[in-house]
Amino acid sequence: MQWLDLVVVVMAVLVLAGALAALLLDNLLGAAAATALVSLGVSVFFVVLRAPDVALTEAAVGAGLGGLLLALAAKRLGLWRIEVQQEDRP
């Protein structure tokens, strides 16, 4: 197995884990960070496919602007707070 194949496998696992985390997280700020992780993983795929211009655009717009807009929208709507449920102790 070449190093490029290993990079593709690792990035595929990270992208799938980030997408699953974005779907399952209750915390919207964490979900926004997970979508940024997915976008960064996809930009690495574009680098592997020898499309650096598309990779740069995906990283800047998808991870940078997209994550920032999702986080700011959650803050604007008042959904950005991290709520920790504390169990009743006897």
N, C-alpha and C. Protein backbone atom coordinates (compact mmCIF):
# COMPACT_ATOMS: atom_id res chain seq x y z
N MET A 1 0.85 -1.18 0.00
CA MET A 1 0.00 0.00 0.00
C MET A 1 0.90 1.24 0.00
N GLN A 2 0.64 2.13 -0.90
CA GLN A 2 1.42 3.35 -0.98
C GLN A 2 0.93 4.37 0.03
N TRP A 3 1.73 5.39 0.26
CA TRP A 3 1.36 6.40 1.24
C TRP A 3 0.14 7.19 0.81
N LEU A 4 -0.04 7.35 -0.50
CA LEU A 4 -1.21 8.09 -0.99
C LEU A 4 -2.50 7.31 -0.73
N ASP A 5 -2.43 6.00 -0.87
CA ASP A 5 -3.60 5.18 -0.55
C ASP A 5 -3.94 5.26 0.93
N LEU A 6 -2.93 5.30 1.76
CA LEU A 6 -3.15 5.42 3.20
C LEU A 6 -3.79 6.76 3.55
N VAL A 7 -3.35 7.82 2.89
CA VAL A 7 -3.93 9.15 3.12
C VAL A 7 -5.40 9.16 2.72
N VAL A 8 -5.72 8.54 1.60
CA VAL A 8 -7.11 8.50 1.13
C VAL A 8 -7.99 7.72 2.10
N VAL A 9 -7.50 6.60 2.59
CA VAL A 9 -8.30 5.79 3.53
C VAL A 9 -8.52 6.55 4.84
N VAL A 10 -7.46 7.17 5.36
CA VAL A 10 -7.59 7.93 6.61
C VAL A 10 -8.55 9.10 6.44
N MET A 11 -8.43 9.81 5.33
CA MET A 11 -9.31 10.95 5.11
C MET A 11 -10.76 10.52 4.88
N ALA A 12 -10.96 9.39 4.23
CA ALA A 12 -12.32 8.89 4.04
C ALA A 12 -12.96 8.55 5.39
N VAL A 13 -12.20 7.95 6.28
CA VAL A 13 -12.72 7.63 7.61
C VAL A 13 -13.03 8.91 8.38
N LEU A 14 -12.14 9.91 8.30
CA LEU A 14 -12.38 11.16 9.00
C LEU A 14 -13.59 11.92 8.44
N VAL A 15 -13.74 11.91 7.13
CA VAL A 15 -14.89 12.60 6.52
C VAL A 15 -16.19 11.92 6.92
N LEU A 16 -16.21 10.60 6.89
CA LEU A 16 -17.43 9.88 7.28
C LEU A 16 -17.73 10.07 8.76
N ALA A 17 -16.70 10.06 9.60
CA ALA A 17 -16.92 10.28 11.04
C ALA A 17 -17.41 11.70 11.30
N GLY A 18 -16.86 12.67 10.59
CA GLY A 18 -17.31 14.06 10.76
C GLY A 18 -18.74 14.25 10.30
N ALA A 19 -19.11 13.61 9.19
CA ALA A 19 -20.49 13.73 8.70
C ALA A 19 -21.46 13.07 9.67
N LEU A 20 -21.08 11.94 10.21
CA LEU A 20 -21.93 11.26 11.19
C LEU A 20 -22.05 12.09 12.47
N ALA A 21 -20.94 12.69 12.88
CA ALA A 21 -20.97 13.54 14.07
C ALA A 21 -21.85 14.76 13.85
N ALA A 22 -21.81 15.34 12.66
CA ALA A 22 -22.64 16.51 12.38
C ALA A 22 -24.12 16.15 12.44
N LEU A 23 -24.45 14.94 12.07
CA LEU A 23 -25.85 14.52 12.12
C LEU A 23 -26.31 14.19 13.53
N LEU A 24 -25.44 13.63 14.34
CA LEU A 24 -25.85 13.10 15.63
C LEU A 24 -25.62 14.03 16.82
N LEU A 25 -24.82 15.06 16.65
CA LEU A 25 -24.52 15.95 17.78
C LEU A 25 -25.72 16.81 18.13
N ASP A 26 -25.97 16.95 19.43
CA ASP A 26 -27.02 17.86 19.89
C ASP A 26 -26.52 19.28 19.98
N ASN A 27 -25.23 19.44 20.19
CA ASN A 27 -24.62 20.75 20.29
C ASN A 27 -24.41 21.31 18.88
N LEU A 28 -25.04 22.43 18.58
CA LEU A 28 -24.95 22.99 17.23
C LEU A 28 -23.58 23.56 16.91
N LEU A 29 -22.86 24.04 17.91
CA LEU A 29 -21.52 24.53 17.67
C LEU A 29 -20.58 23.38 17.30
N GLY A 30 -20.75 22.25 17.95
CA GLY A 30 -19.98 21.06 17.60
C GLY A 30 -20.34 20.53 16.22
N ALA A 31 -21.60 20.62 15.86
CA ALA A 31 -22.02 20.20 14.52
C ALA A 31 -21.44 21.11 13.44
N ALA A 32 -21.34 22.40 13.73
CA ALA A 32 -20.72 23.32 12.78
C ALA A 32 -19.24 23.00 12.61
N ALA A 33 -18.57 22.66 13.70
CA ALA A 33 -17.16 22.26 13.62
C ALA A 33 -17.00 20.96 12.85
N ALA A 34 -17.94 20.05 13.01
CA ALA A 34 -17.88 18.77 12.28
C ALA A 34 -18.07 18.98 10.78
N THR A 35 -18.93 19.91 10.40
CA THR A 35 -19.10 20.18 8.97
C THR A 35 -17.85 20.83 8.39
N ALA A 36 -17.16 21.65 9.19
CA ALA A 36 -15.90 22.22 8.73
C ALA A 36 -14.85 21.13 8.56
N LEU A 37 -14.85 20.14 9.44
CA LEU A 37 -13.94 19.01 9.31
C LEU A 37 -14.22 18.22 8.04
N VAL A 38 -15.48 18.02 7.72
CA VAL A 38 -15.85 17.32 6.49
C VAL A 38 -15.35 18.09 5.27
N SER A 39 -15.51 19.39 5.30
CA SER A 39 -15.07 20.20 4.17
C SER A 39 -13.55 20.17 4.01
N LEU A 40 -12.83 20.18 5.11
CA LEU A 40 -11.37 20.08 5.02
C LEU A 40 -10.94 18.71 4.48
N GLY A 41 -11.65 17.66 4.87
CA GLY A 41 -11.35 16.33 4.34
C GLY A 41 -11.60 16.24 2.85
N VAL A 42 -12.67 16.84 2.40
CA VAL A 42 -12.98 16.84 0.97
C VAL A 42 -11.94 17.64 0.20
N SER A 43 -11.44 18.71 0.80
CA SER A 43 -10.39 19.48 0.13
C SER A 43 -9.10 18.68 0.00
N VAL A 44 -8.81 17.81 0.96
CA VAL A 44 -7.65 16.92 0.82
C VAL A 44 -7.87 15.94 -0.33
N PHE A 45 -9.09 15.46 -0.48
CA PHE A 45 -9.40 14.59 -1.63
C PHE A 45 -9.14 15.30 -2.95
N PHE A 46 -9.48 16.58 -3.02
CA PHE A 46 -9.22 17.32 -4.24
C PHE A 46 -7.73 17.50 -4.50
N VAL A 47 -6.95 17.63 -3.44
CA VAL A 47 -5.50 17.70 -3.62
C VAL A 47 -4.97 16.39 -4.16
N VAL A 48 -5.48 15.27 -3.64
CA VAL A 48 -5.06 13.96 -4.13
C VAL A 48 -5.44 13.78 -5.60
N LEU A 49 -6.58 14.33 -5.98
CA LEU A 49 -7.02 14.24 -7.37
C LEU A 49 -6.36 15.28 -8.27
N ARG A 50 -5.39 16.01 -7.73
CA ARG A 50 -4.61 17.00 -8.46
C ARG A 50 -5.47 18.16 -8.99
N ALA A 51 -6.32 18.65 -8.11
CA ALA A 51 -7.12 19.83 -8.42
C ALA A 51 -6.92 20.84 -7.29
N PRO A 52 -5.74 21.46 -7.24
CA PRO A 52 -5.44 22.34 -6.10
C PRO A 52 -6.31 23.60 -6.06
N ASP A 53 -6.76 24.08 -7.20
CA ASP A 53 -7.61 25.26 -7.19
C ASP A 53 -8.97 24.96 -6.56
N VAL A 54 -9.51 23.81 -6.87
CA VAL A 54 -10.79 23.41 -6.28
C VAL A 54 -10.60 23.13 -4.79
N ALA A 55 -9.45 22.54 -4.43
CA ALA A 55 -9.17 22.24 -3.02
C ALA A 55 -9.07 23.52 -2.20
N LEU A 56 -8.41 24.51 -2.75
CA LEU A 56 -8.27 25.78 -2.05
C LEU A 56 -9.63 26.47 -1.88
N THR A 57 -10.44 26.42 -2.91
CA THR A 57 -11.77 27.02 -2.82
C THR A 57 -12.63 26.28 -1.81
N GLU A 58 -12.57 24.95 -1.82
CA GLU A 58 -13.35 24.16 -0.86
C GLU A 58 -12.91 24.42 0.57
N ALA A 59 -11.62 24.53 0.78
CA ALA A 59 -11.13 24.79 2.14
C ALA A 59 -11.53 26.19 2.61
N ALA A 60 -11.42 27.17 1.73
CA ALA A 60 -11.74 28.55 2.12
C ALA A 60 -13.23 28.75 2.32
N VAL A 61 -14.02 28.31 1.37
CA VAL A 61 -15.46 28.55 1.43
C VAL A 61 -16.15 27.53 2.33
N GLY A 62 -15.86 26.27 2.11
CA GLY A 62 -16.55 25.22 2.86
C GLY A 62 -16.20 25.20 4.34
N ALA A 63 -14.92 25.16 4.64
CA ALA A 63 -14.51 25.09 6.04
C ALA A 63 -14.51 26.46 6.70
N GLY A 64 -13.93 27.43 6.03
CA GLY A 64 -13.82 28.75 6.63
C GLY A 64 -15.13 29.49 6.73
N LEU A 65 -15.68 29.84 5.60
CA LEU A 65 -16.90 30.65 5.58
C LEU A 65 -18.12 29.85 6.04
N GLY A 66 -18.21 28.61 5.60
CA GLY A 66 -19.37 27.79 5.98
C GLY A 66 -19.44 27.54 7.48
N GLY A 67 -18.32 27.17 8.08
CA GLY A 67 -18.29 26.95 9.52
C GLY A 67 -18.57 28.21 10.31
N LEU A 68 -18.01 29.32 9.82
CA LEU A 68 -18.24 30.59 10.49
C LEU A 68 -19.71 31.01 10.40
N LEU A 69 -20.31 30.85 9.23
CA LEU A 69 -21.73 31.22 9.08
C LEU A 69 -22.65 30.34 9.93
N LEU A 70 -22.35 29.04 9.99
CA LEU A 70 -23.16 28.16 10.83
C LEU A 70 -23.03 28.51 12.30
N ALA A 71 -21.81 28.80 12.75
CA ALA A 71 -21.61 29.16 14.15
C ALA A 71 -22.27 30.50 14.48
N LEU A 72 -22.14 31.48 13.59
CA LEU A 72 -22.78 32.77 13.84
C LEU A 72 -24.30 32.69 13.80
N ALA A 73 -24.84 31.85 12.92
CA ALA A 73 -26.30 31.67 12.88
C ALA A 73 -26.80 31.02 14.16
N ALA A 74 -26.07 30.05 14.67
CA ALA A 74 -26.47 29.41 15.93
C ALA A 74 -26.41 30.40 17.08
N LYS A 75 -25.39 31.27 17.08
CA LYS A 75 -25.30 32.28 18.13
C LYS A 75 -26.43 33.30 18.01
N ARG A 76 -26.72 33.70 16.79
CA ARG A 76 -27.78 34.70 16.57
C ARG A 76 -29.15 34.17 17.00
N LEU A 77 -29.36 32.88 16.79
CA LEU A 77 -30.63 32.27 17.18
C LEU A 77 -30.67 31.90 18.66
N GLY A 78 -29.56 32.05 19.34
CA GLY A 78 -29.51 31.71 20.77
C GLY A 78 -29.35 30.23 21.02
N LEU A 79 -28.87 29.50 20.04
CA LEU A 79 -28.73 28.05 20.19
C LEU A 79 -27.29 27.62 20.41
N TRP A 80 -26.39 28.54 20.69
CA TRP A 80 -24.97 28.24 20.77
C TRP A 80 -24.53 27.78 22.14
N ARG A 81 -25.36 27.94 23.12
CA ARG A 81 -24.97 27.59 24.49
C ARG A 81 -24.78 26.08 24.64
N ILE A 82 -23.78 25.74 25.39
CA ILE A 82 -23.53 24.33 25.69
C ILE A 82 -24.22 24.03 27.00
N GLU A 83 -25.22 23.19 26.95
CA GLU A 83 -25.97 22.85 28.15
C GLU A 83 -25.52 21.48 28.63
N VAL A 84 -25.08 21.44 29.86
CA VAL A 84 -24.62 20.18 30.46
C VAL A 84 -25.68 19.75 31.45
N GLN A 85 -26.17 18.55 31.26
CA GLN A 85 -27.18 18.03 32.18
C GLN A 85 -26.46 17.38 33.36
N GLN A 86 -26.81 17.84 34.55
CA GLN A 86 -26.20 17.29 35.73
C GLN A 86 -27.17 16.31 36.36
N GLU A 87 -26.62 15.17 36.71
CA GLU A 87 -27.46 14.16 37.35
C GLU A 87 -27.63 14.51 38.83
N ASP A 88 -28.78 14.15 39.35
CA ASP A 88 -29.04 14.38 40.77
C ASP A 88 -28.20 13.42 41.59
N ARG A 89 -27.44 13.99 42.52
CA ARG A 89 -26.61 13.15 43.37
C ARG A 89 -27.33 12.95 44.70
N PRO A 90 -27.30 11.72 45.20
CA PRO A 90 -27.99 11.46 46.49
C PRO A 90 -27.24 12.02 47.67
